[in-house]
Amino acid sequence: DLVSRVTDAVIEDMQHWQSRPLDACYPVVLIDAIVLKIRDGQVRNRPVYAAMGISVDGERDVLGLWAGPAGGGEGAKQWMTMLTELRNRGVADVCIVCCDGLKGLPDAIAATWPLATVQTCVVHLVRSSLRYASKADWGKITAGLKDVYTAATVAAAEARFAEFAATWRDKYPAMIAMWERSWPEFVPFLDFPLPVRKLIYTTNGIESLNS
């Protein structure tokens, strides 16, 4: 019937789009995941992984969408499958990959594009910080963290973070520990000028796609 033919055509178009050749190099790639309800015999929550490339001209290109298994499945094997597909479709190299500390992803990036720099999404870090804190302190915490991630240099960011940690470590030690663990993958964007920083410090571009 008509509905079946239209559905088959849409699926064929999606498969063609998902397997299309890609540019050899994207200076920046954003990777994120969203959980959606997907009907596959029955309706279940499944993660959908998205990768978006930013070209040298600043244009955004959705590289692919992958539905993961029900119940999650984030891990090195999942990410290696995705990234290997991107490499096989032509993405030979990436300069910076911005992501949200997804389990197993940094190792998969290193295996796929050894010279790529992993940048933790700053917006996600700030949101995660608030999970450890009382709502009454959110305003002060976000203001203090803004001084850290808008610092002019890595050294200045380290100084601002030392002040922030001294203020909040006793009250929220887990929050400070999270930032200390994430620090090596938080600071790379600070080596770039402000216009470039805005492209690489957050995966919000993918969040807009998800919306």
Protein backbone atom coordinates (compact mmCIF):
# COMPACT_ATOMS: atom_id res chain seq x y z
CA ASP A 1 0.00 0.00 0.00
CA LEU A 2 0.97 3.66 -0.19
CA VAL A 3 2.16 3.91 3.44
CA SER A 4 4.41 0.87 2.99
CA ARG A 5 5.92 2.25 -0.24
CA VAL A 6 6.56 5.65 1.34
CA THR A 7 8.15 4.01 4.39
CA ASP A 8 10.41 1.86 2.20
CA ALA A 9 11.45 4.93 0.21
CA VAL A 10 12.28 6.88 3.37
CA ILE A 11 14.34 3.97 4.72
CA GLU A 12 16.22 3.68 1.42
CA ASP A 13 16.98 7.41 1.42
CA MET A 14 18.22 7.23 5.03
CA GLN A 15 20.46 4.27 4.25
CA HIS A 16 21.93 6.11 1.26
CA TRP A 17 22.47 9.23 3.37
CA GLN A 18 24.07 7.26 6.22
CA SER A 19 26.55 5.59 3.87
CA ARG A 20 27.41 8.61 1.69
CA PRO A 21 31.12 9.55 1.25
CA LEU A 22 32.41 12.31 3.53
CA ASP A 23 35.15 14.93 3.35
CA ALA A 24 38.65 13.76 4.21
CA CYS A 25 39.12 16.13 7.13
CA TYR A 26 36.90 18.04 9.52
CA PRO A 27 38.77 20.39 11.85
CA VAL A 28 36.08 19.82 14.50
CA VAL A 29 33.72 16.92 15.14
CA LEU A 30 31.00 17.04 17.82
CA ILE A 31 29.66 13.78 19.27
CA ASP A 32 26.71 13.37 21.61
CA ALA A 33 23.92 10.95 22.50
CA ILE A 34 20.22 11.27 23.23
CA VAL A 35 17.79 8.63 24.54
CA LEU A 36 14.65 8.22 22.45
CA LYS A 37 11.66 5.89 22.44
CA ILE A 38 12.01 3.65 19.37
CA ARG A 39 9.50 1.07 18.16
CA ASP A 40 11.18 -2.19 17.14
CA GLY A 41 8.54 -4.80 17.82
CA GLN A 42 7.92 -2.93 21.06
CA VAL A 43 8.59 0.63 22.20
CA ARG A 44 11.83 0.85 24.16
CA ASN A 45 14.26 3.54 25.24
CA ARG A 46 17.37 3.40 23.06
CA PRO A 47 20.35 5.74 22.77
CA VAL A 48 20.83 7.51 19.45
CA TYR A 49 24.38 8.67 18.79
CA ALA A 50 25.03 11.67 16.56
CA ALA A 51 28.21 12.99 14.98
CA MET A 52 28.43 16.46 13.47
CA GLY A 53 31.42 17.80 11.55
CA ILE A 54 32.41 21.45 11.18
CA SER A 55 34.23 22.18 7.91
CA VAL A 56 37.09 24.63 7.36
CA ASP A 57 34.43 27.06 6.09
CA GLY A 58 32.51 26.79 9.37
CA GLU A 59 29.65 24.80 7.83
CA ARG A 60 28.01 22.09 9.96
CA ASP A 61 27.42 18.65 8.48
CA VAL A 62 25.58 15.85 10.27
CA LEU A 63 27.88 12.90 9.57
CA GLY A 64 25.61 10.15 10.85
CA LEU A 65 23.05 8.88 13.34
CA TRP A 66 23.31 5.47 14.99
CA ALA A 67 20.69 3.75 17.17
CA GLY A 68 22.33 1.87 20.01
CA PRO A 69 20.95 -1.18 21.83
CA ALA A 70 18.14 -0.93 24.36
CA GLY A 71 19.45 -0.26 27.84
CA GLY A 72 22.44 1.77 26.68
CA GLY A 73 25.56 0.18 25.31
CA GLU A 74 27.96 3.12 25.44
CA GLY A 75 31.47 1.78 25.48
CA ALA A 76 34.64 1.28 23.47
CA LYS A 77 33.07 -1.28 21.11
CA GLN A 78 30.10 0.95 20.31
CA TRP A 79 32.26 4.00 19.67
CA MET A 80 34.85 2.08 17.62
CA THR A 81 32.08 0.85 15.32
CA MET A 82 30.86 4.42 14.76
CA LEU A 83 34.26 6.03 14.30
CA THR A 84 35.56 3.27 12.07
CA GLU A 85 32.52 3.76 9.84
CA LEU A 86 33.27 7.48 9.60
CA ARG A 87 36.91 6.80 8.73
CA ASN A 88 35.89 4.24 6.11
CA ARG A 89 33.50 6.78 4.59
CA GLY A 90 36.40 9.17 4.07
CA VAL A 91 37.06 11.07 7.31
CA ALA A 92 40.79 10.41 7.38
CA ASP A 93 41.63 12.93 10.08
CA VAL A 94 40.06 15.18 12.71
CA CYS A 95 41.76 17.94 14.68
CA ILE A 96 39.41 18.26 17.67
CA VAL A 97 36.59 16.02 18.88
CA CYS A 98 34.22 17.67 21.37
CA CYS A 99 32.18 15.24 23.45
CA ASP A 100 30.58 14.76 26.84
CA GLY A 101 32.94 12.40 28.64
CA LEU A 102 31.08 9.46 27.15
CA LYS A 103 32.41 6.14 28.45
CA GLY A 104 35.03 4.59 26.18
CA LEU A 105 34.90 7.42 23.62
CA PRO A 106 38.31 9.06 24.23
CA ASP A 107 40.08 5.72 23.76
CA ALA A 108 38.14 5.05 20.56
CA ILE A 109 39.04 8.51 19.24
CA ALA A 110 42.73 7.90 19.96
CA ALA A 111 42.59 4.56 18.11
CA THR A 112 40.77 6.03 15.09
CA TRP A 113 42.45 9.44 14.77
CA PRO A 114 45.68 9.29 16.83
CA LEU A 115 46.48 12.98 16.38
CA ALA A 116 43.04 14.28 17.37
CA THR A 117 42.56 16.29 20.55
CA VAL A 118 39.63 15.35 22.80
CA GLN A 119 37.74 18.35 24.18
CA THR A 120 35.22 17.81 26.97
CA CYS A 121 32.04 19.82 26.47
CA VAL A 122 32.29 22.71 28.93
CA VAL A 123 28.53 23.20 29.12
CA HIS A 124 28.08 19.58 30.18
CA LEU A 125 30.79 19.99 32.82
CA VAL A 126 29.01 22.98 34.29
CA ARG A 127 25.67 21.14 34.32
CA SER A 128 27.28 18.13 35.96
CA SER A 129 28.76 20.40 38.62
CA LEU A 130 25.29 21.54 39.66
CA ARG A 131 24.22 17.95 40.34
CA TYR A 132 26.62 17.89 43.28
CA ALA A 133 25.47 21.21 44.73
CA SER A 134 22.51 22.66 46.57
CA LYS A 135 20.28 24.75 44.33
CA ALA A 136 20.88 27.72 46.62
CA ASP A 137 24.55 27.73 45.48
CA TRP A 138 23.98 27.31 41.75
CA GLY A 139 24.31 31.00 40.93
CA LYS A 140 27.63 31.40 42.73
CA ILE A 141 28.99 28.16 41.27
CA THR A 142 28.11 29.00 37.66
CA ALA A 143 29.59 32.50 38.08
CA GLY A 144 32.82 31.06 39.50
CA LEU A 145 33.08 28.46 36.72
CA LYS A 146 32.48 31.12 34.06
CA ASP A 147 35.63 32.87 35.30
CA VAL A 148 37.48 29.58 34.75
CA TYR A 149 36.31 28.71 31.22
CA THR A 150 36.47 32.30 29.93
CA ALA A 151 40.05 32.81 31.16
CA ALA A 152 42.45 34.18 28.56
CA THR A 153 45.06 31.43 28.98
CA VAL A 154 45.50 28.00 30.51
CA ALA A 155 47.58 29.53 33.31
CA ALA A 156 44.83 32.04 34.07
CA ALA A 157 42.23 29.26 34.07
CA GLU A 158 44.35 27.26 36.52
CA ALA A 159 44.56 30.28 38.83
CA ARG A 160 40.79 30.88 38.66
CA PHE A 161 40.09 27.21 39.29
CA ALA A 162 42.41 27.16 42.31
CA GLU A 163 40.33 29.99 43.79
CA PHE A 164 37.10 28.18 42.92
CA ALA A 165 38.33 24.93 44.47
CA ALA A 166 39.45 26.69 47.65
CA THR A 167 35.94 28.13 48.00
CA TRP A 168 33.95 24.94 47.39
CA ARG A 169 36.15 21.90 48.09
CA ASP A 170 35.07 21.46 51.73
CA LYS A 171 31.37 21.74 50.89
CA TYR A 172 31.34 19.89 47.54
CA PRO A 173 34.46 17.70 47.30
CA ALA A 174 32.95 15.44 44.62
CA MET A 175 32.32 18.43 42.35
CA ILE A 176 35.92 19.61 42.65
CA ALA A 177 37.21 16.06 42.10
CA MET A 178 35.16 15.81 38.91
CA TRP A 179 36.79 18.96 37.53
CA GLU A 180 40.25 17.76 38.49
CA ARG A 181 39.67 14.45 36.66
CA SER A 182 38.34 16.28 33.61
CA TRP A 183 40.97 19.02 33.54
CA PRO A 184 43.29 17.53 30.84
CA GLU A 185 40.34 17.28 28.44
CA PHE A 186 38.85 20.62 29.53
CA VAL A 187 41.79 22.93 28.73
CA PRO A 188 42.60 22.26 25.01
CA PHE A 189 40.16 24.89 23.69
CA LEU A 190 41.92 27.60 25.73
CA ASP A 191 44.86 27.47 23.31
CA PHE A 192 42.65 28.91 20.56
CA PRO A 193 41.36 32.45 19.86
CA LEU A 194 37.84 33.29 21.01
CA PRO A 195 36.04 32.75 17.65
CA VAL A 196 37.46 29.20 17.46
CA ARG A 197 36.71 28.51 21.13
CA LYS A 198 33.02 29.10 20.48
CA LEU A 199 33.03 26.27 17.93
CA ILE A 200 34.74 23.66 20.06
CA TYR A 201 33.86 24.12 23.73
CA THR A 202 30.33 22.73 23.58
CA THR A 203 28.25 20.08 21.81
CA ASN A 204 25.20 22.40 21.85
CA GLY A 205 25.11 22.21 18.05
CA ILE A 206 24.11 18.56 18.33
CA GLU A 207 21.70 19.31 21.17
CA SER A 208 19.91 21.70 18.81
CA LEU A 209 19.77 18.87 16.25
CA ASN A 210 18.35 16.54 18.91
CA SER A 211 15.67 19.10 19.77
